[in-house]
Amino acid sequence: MKVLSVKQPWASLICSGIKDIENRTWKCPQKYIGQRVLIHAGKTIDNNAVDKIAVFNGALAQLLQNGIYKNEFPLGSIIGIVEIVGCRVDSQSIWAEYSRGWISDPKVIYHWVLANPICFDKPILNVKGKLGFWDYESPELKPSNLIKKQ
């Protein structure tokens, strides 16, 4: 099954259904639109996430900050699955970013539209991530892992 690595806390926000857009500097290949992909929480945390989120949701930022400091976010683990339902550059989602890089050399940001997330009840631990889409096959990927956390 295809996997996408995402830094924390973004990976957990995606799997919990809070974040409906994944921002990338590359367009999602058409063959993945309409497909479900595993979400891998990378081994690093985006230290700017709390500041970015605080701009539009201070309460969520505070929860994330507490979770980051308490090491509550799984790292180096496959934590869930989500469906990629679209790819655009003009999403109105609060999660959409519009520019990276210098003003003289702006980078196009693609908004991968996500839906139908599932957080695994038991993350698949100790999985090394990779750039881009990558494959992961394991007996741990069974229906009992696809139970949404309550």
Foldseek 3Di string as FASTA:
>chain_A
DKEAEDEPPVLVCQQVPNDFWDKDLDWDPPVQAQHKHWYAHAQHHDPCVLVLPCVPDVVVSVVRVVCVVVVVDAHQWGWWMKGFNDKDQDDPDSNHDAFDDDPVDTGGIIIGGIDDHATFPDIGHNHHDDHDMDDDDDPVPDPNRRHHDD
